[in-house]
């Protein structure tokens, strides 16, 4: 079986990387994954924890406090996974296999975080009264009540095409052009005062890369960075 991260799990991992940057860490630890899952918000893992009366705000605060702030200065880019993180991800894959799921979701990540007893998330969740068996039972109950046995696409925001093998995703992260586009997108969002990177910021980034074939084709159609910025400004007015 080829395990694939669901879009929400991938989003949670991306948010985990952002949390590491916010806390000025140059590494990705299990605690960052927990913060990423909570930041993702509307996913099976957070919904299951809330049903079990877990205060996610308190969990987030306690995990962040115990993790502490680093000195790396933050910054963009993927961070090296700690051995604990590698263990958690491997356990999440195993959890998905054991449950017969063809994907790795936020629910598998949280179950593996809880299982990794030396990690901060496990200690915080257990202190909040979370039991692995009860959490797994709650997750399975939620999935069975809302989706079919082949529910691996049920929690995908954009369907089957949002699924990427980890190796394919890694190719993008190894590409300097990919990072150049992301940096331009972040800069565009900052200039427009946006709190998050949206599709329009990526389009602006593509248009600003004047040497790219995509920018040339769009320019031929009259689509320029200034035109898009003016349209976005009018839409938000």
Protein backbone atom coordinates (compact mmCIF):
# COMPACT_ATOMS: atom_id res chain seq x y z
CA UNK A 1 0.00 0.00 0.00
CA UNK A 2 1.30 3.48 -0.86
CA UNK A 3 0.35 5.77 2.01
CA UNK A 4 -0.56 9.32 1.08
CA UNK A 5 -1.09 12.26 3.38
CA UNK A 6 -4.56 13.76 3.13
CA UNK A 7 -4.71 17.43 2.19
CA UNK A 8 -5.51 18.35 5.79
CA UNK A 9 -2.60 16.30 7.12
CA UNK A 10 -0.29 17.95 4.60
CA UNK A 11 -1.68 21.33 5.56
CA UNK A 12 -1.12 20.52 9.23
CA UNK A 13 2.51 19.59 8.48
CA UNK A 14 2.99 22.84 6.58
CA UNK A 15 1.52 24.73 9.53
CA UNK A 16 3.84 22.79 11.84
CA UNK A 17 6.77 24.11 9.83
CA UNK A 18 5.37 27.63 10.20
CA UNK A 19 4.98 27.13 13.95
CA UNK A 20 8.63 26.09 14.14
CA UNK A 21 9.56 29.29 12.34
CA UNK A 22 7.37 31.38 14.63
CA UNK A 23 9.10 29.87 17.65
CA UNK A 24 12.53 30.43 16.03
CA UNK A 25 13.39 26.74 15.77
CA UNK A 26 15.52 25.32 12.97
CA UNK A 27 14.07 21.83 13.44
CA UNK A 28 10.68 20.12 13.26
CA UNK A 29 9.69 18.28 16.43
CA UNK A 30 6.54 16.33 17.42
CA UNK A 31 5.38 19.36 19.40
CA UNK A 32 5.36 21.44 16.22
CA UNK A 33 3.16 18.81 14.56
CA UNK A 34 0.69 19.06 17.45
CA UNK A 35 0.61 22.85 17.06
CA UNK A 36 0.13 22.42 13.30
CA UNK A 37 -2.79 20.03 13.74
CA UNK A 38 -4.50 22.42 16.16
CA UNK A 39 -3.85 25.35 13.80
CA UNK A 40 -5.41 23.36 10.93
CA UNK A 41 -8.58 23.44 12.97
CA UNK A 42 -11.40 21.72 11.11
CA UNK A 43 -10.13 18.17 10.81
CA UNK A 44 -10.94 14.74 12.23
CA UNK A 45 -8.22 14.97 14.89
CA UNK A 46 -9.34 18.27 16.39
CA UNK A 47 -13.03 17.37 16.19
CA UNK A 48 -12.41 14.06 17.96
CA UNK A 49 -10.41 15.76 20.71
CA UNK A 50 -13.13 18.36 21.20
CA UNK A 51 -15.78 15.65 21.51
CA UNK A 52 -13.63 14.23 24.32
CA UNK A 53 -13.84 17.66 26.02
CA UNK A 54 -10.23 18.59 25.33
CA UNK A 55 -9.58 22.33 25.44
CA UNK A 56 -7.44 22.79 22.33
CA UNK A 57 -6.54 26.33 23.33
CA UNK A 58 -5.03 25.09 26.59
CA UNK A 59 -3.26 22.22 24.84
CA UNK A 60 -1.75 24.63 22.34
CA UNK A 61 -0.60 27.01 25.07
CA UNK A 62 0.92 24.22 27.17
CA UNK A 63 2.70 22.60 24.23
CA UNK A 64 4.13 25.93 23.09
CA UNK A 65 5.20 26.82 26.64
CA UNK A 66 6.98 23.51 27.20
CA UNK A 67 8.59 23.73 23.77
CA UNK A 68 9.89 27.21 24.42
CA UNK A 69 11.34 29.75 22.02
CA UNK A 70 14.55 29.16 20.11
CA UNK A 71 17.21 31.48 18.74
CA UNK A 72 17.42 30.51 15.06
CA UNK A 73 15.57 33.58 13.85
CA UNK A 74 12.81 31.61 12.13
CA UNK A 75 12.66 32.07 8.36
CA UNK A 76 11.07 30.12 5.51
CA UNK A 77 11.97 26.66 4.25
CA UNK A 78 11.60 23.12 5.42
CA UNK A 79 13.21 22.22 8.72
CA UNK A 80 15.10 19.05 9.55
CA UNK A 81 12.93 16.44 11.24
CA UNK A 82 14.04 15.28 14.65
CA UNK A 83 14.27 11.57 15.36
CA UNK A 84 11.08 11.95 17.37
CA UNK A 85 9.29 13.42 14.37
CA UNK A 86 10.47 10.58 12.14
CA UNK A 87 9.20 8.11 14.75
CA UNK A 88 5.82 9.86 14.92
CA UNK A 89 5.38 9.90 11.14
CA UNK A 90 6.33 6.22 10.88
CA UNK A 91 3.84 5.43 13.64
CA UNK A 92 1.14 7.42 11.83
CA UNK A 93 1.72 5.37 8.69
CA UNK A 94 1.52 2.18 10.77
CA UNK A 95 -1.67 3.44 12.44
CA UNK A 96 -3.25 4.06 9.03
CA UNK A 97 -2.28 0.58 7.87
CA UNK A 98 -3.65 -1.06 11.01
CA UNK A 99 -6.96 0.72 10.52
CA UNK A 100 -7.05 -0.28 6.87
CA UNK A 101 -6.99 3.31 5.62
CA UNK A 102 -5.42 4.20 2.29
CA UNK A 103 -4.24 7.59 3.50
CA UNK A 104 -2.53 9.21 6.47
CA UNK A 105 -4.75 11.83 8.07
CA UNK A 106 -4.59 14.20 11.01
CA UNK A 107 -6.27 11.50 13.09
CA UNK A 108 -3.35 9.13 12.51
CA UNK A 109 -0.88 11.89 13.33
CA UNK A 110 -2.53 12.64 16.67
CA UNK A 111 -2.78 8.96 17.58
CA UNK A 112 0.94 8.57 16.87
CA UNK A 113 1.74 11.73 18.85
CA UNK A 114 -0.16 10.29 21.79
CA UNK A 115 1.70 7.01 21.42
CA UNK A 116 5.12 8.74 21.44
CA UNK A 117 5.25 9.00 25.24
CA UNK A 118 8.54 10.94 25.49
CA UNK A 119 7.14 13.75 23.37
CA UNK A 120 5.56 16.94 24.73
CA UNK A 121 2.17 16.38 22.99
CA UNK A 122 1.74 12.96 24.58
CA UNK A 123 2.39 14.34 28.05
CA UNK A 124 0.06 17.28 27.58
CA UNK A 125 -2.75 15.20 26.06
CA UNK A 126 -2.50 12.52 28.74
CA UNK A 127 -2.56 15.19 31.43
CA UNK A 128 -5.77 16.44 29.79
CA UNK A 129 -7.26 12.96 30.24
CA UNK A 130 -6.90 11.71 26.67
CA UNK A 131 -6.72 7.93 26.41
CA UNK A 132 -5.40 6.36 23.19
CA UNK A 133 -8.11 3.68 23.03
CA UNK A 134 -10.93 6.16 23.64
CA UNK A 135 -9.51 8.56 21.08
CA UNK A 136 -9.20 5.81 18.47
CA UNK A 137 -12.76 4.64 19.22
CA UNK A 138 -14.05 8.20 18.85
CA UNK A 139 -12.22 8.67 15.55
CA UNK A 140 -13.51 5.43 14.10
CA UNK A 141 -17.03 6.28 15.21
CA UNK A 142 -16.86 9.66 13.50
CA UNK A 143 -15.52 8.20 10.27
CA UNK A 144 -18.04 5.34 10.12
CA UNK A 145 -20.94 7.67 10.77
CA UNK A 146 -19.98 10.12 8.05
CA UNK A 147 -18.34 8.19 5.26
CA UNK A 148 -18.10 4.84 3.56
CA UNK A 149 -15.43 2.21 4.05
CA UNK A 150 -13.40 3.87 1.29
CA UNK A 151 -13.39 7.20 3.06
CA UNK A 152 -9.82 8.17 2.24
CA UNK A 153 -11.01 11.09 0.08
CA UNK A 154 -13.84 12.15 2.38
CA UNK A 155 -11.83 14.77 4.21
CA UNK A 156 -10.07 16.16 1.18
CA UNK A 157 -11.01 19.77 0.42
CA UNK A 158 -10.43 19.49 -3.29
CA UNK A 159 -10.85 15.82 -4.09
CA UNK A 160 -8.56 13.25 -5.58
CA UNK A 161 -6.25 15.71 -7.32
CA UNK A 162 -5.22 17.22 -4.00
CA UNK A 163 -3.50 13.95 -3.09
CA UNK A 164 0.26 13.83 -3.64
CA UNK A 165 2.75 11.12 -2.89
CA UNK A 166 5.37 12.32 -0.43
CA UNK A 167 8.15 11.72 -2.97
CA UNK A 168 6.37 13.90 -5.53
CA UNK A 169 5.90 16.65 -2.96
CA UNK A 170 9.59 16.40 -2.04
CA UNK A 171 10.54 17.13 -5.66
CA UNK A 172 8.82 20.49 -5.40
CA UNK A 173 10.57 21.36 -2.16
CA UNK A 174 13.94 20.58 -3.74
CA UNK A 175 13.30 22.96 -6.63
CA UNK A 176 14.88 26.45 -6.39
CA UNK A 177 12.22 27.75 -8.81
CA UNK A 178 9.49 26.44 -6.49
CA UNK A 179 10.99 28.33 -3.52
CA UNK A 180 11.50 31.47 -5.62
CA UNK A 181 7.79 31.45 -6.49
CA UNK A 182 6.81 30.91 -2.85
CA UNK A 183 9.02 33.77 -1.68
CA UNK A 184 7.42 36.07 -4.24
CA UNK A 185 3.96 34.89 -3.11
CA UNK A 186 4.79 35.64 0.52
CA UNK A 187 6.10 39.07 -0.46
CA UNK A 188 2.95 39.76 -2.49
CA UNK A 189 0.73 38.78 0.43
CA UNK A 190 2.71 41.01 2.79
CA UNK A 191 2.51 43.97 0.40
CA UNK A 192 -1.26 43.53 0.17
CA UNK A 193 -1.60 43.19 3.95
CA UNK A 194 -2.93 39.63 3.80
CA UNK A 195 -2.58 37.33 6.78
CA UNK A 196 -2.39 34.13 4.71
CA UNK A 197 -1.06 33.09 1.32
CA UNK A 198 -3.96 32.71 -1.10
CA UNK A 199 -4.20 31.62 -4.74
CA UNK A 200 -4.13 35.24 -5.93
CA UNK A 201 -0.75 35.76 -4.26
CA UNK A 202 0.63 32.74 -6.10
CA UNK A 203 -0.71 34.15 -9.35
CA UNK A 204 0.98 37.47 -8.57
CA UNK A 205 4.21 35.61 -7.88
CA UNK A 206 4.00 33.88 -11.27
CA UNK A 207 3.34 37.20 -13.02
CA UNK A 208 6.27 38.84 -11.21
CA UNK A 209 8.63 36.16 -12.50
CA UNK A 210 8.88 37.87 -15.88
CA UNK A 211 11.24 35.28 -17.34
CA UNK A 212 8.81 32.41 -16.88
CA UNK A 213 6.78 31.03 -19.75
CA UNK A 214 3.60 31.34 -17.69
CA UNK A 215 4.18 35.06 -17.11
CA UNK A 216 4.85 35.64 -20.81
CA UNK A 217 1.66 33.84 -21.84
CA UNK A 218 -0.42 35.77 -19.29
CA UNK A 219 1.16 39.08 -20.33
CA UNK A 220 0.21 38.35 -23.94
CA UNK A 221 -3.40 38.14 -22.75
CA UNK A 222 -3.07 41.47 -20.97
CA UNK A 223 -2.77 40.01 -17.47
CA UNK A 224 -0.06 41.93 -15.62
CA UNK A 225 0.90 42.29 -11.93
CA UNK A 226 -0.46 45.87 -11.86
CA UNK A 227 -3.77 44.77 -13.39
CA UNK A 228 -4.18 41.95 -10.87
CA UNK A 229 -3.27 44.22 -7.94
CA UNK A 230 -5.84 46.77 -9.06
CA UNK A 231 -8.51 44.09 -9.39
CA UNK A 232 -7.71 42.70 -5.97
CA UNK A 233 -7.82 46.17 -4.48
CA UNK A 234 -11.22 46.82 -6.05
CA UNK A 235 -12.54 43.49 -4.78
CA UNK A 236 -11.53 44.25 -1.20
CA UNK A 237 -12.82 47.83 -1.27
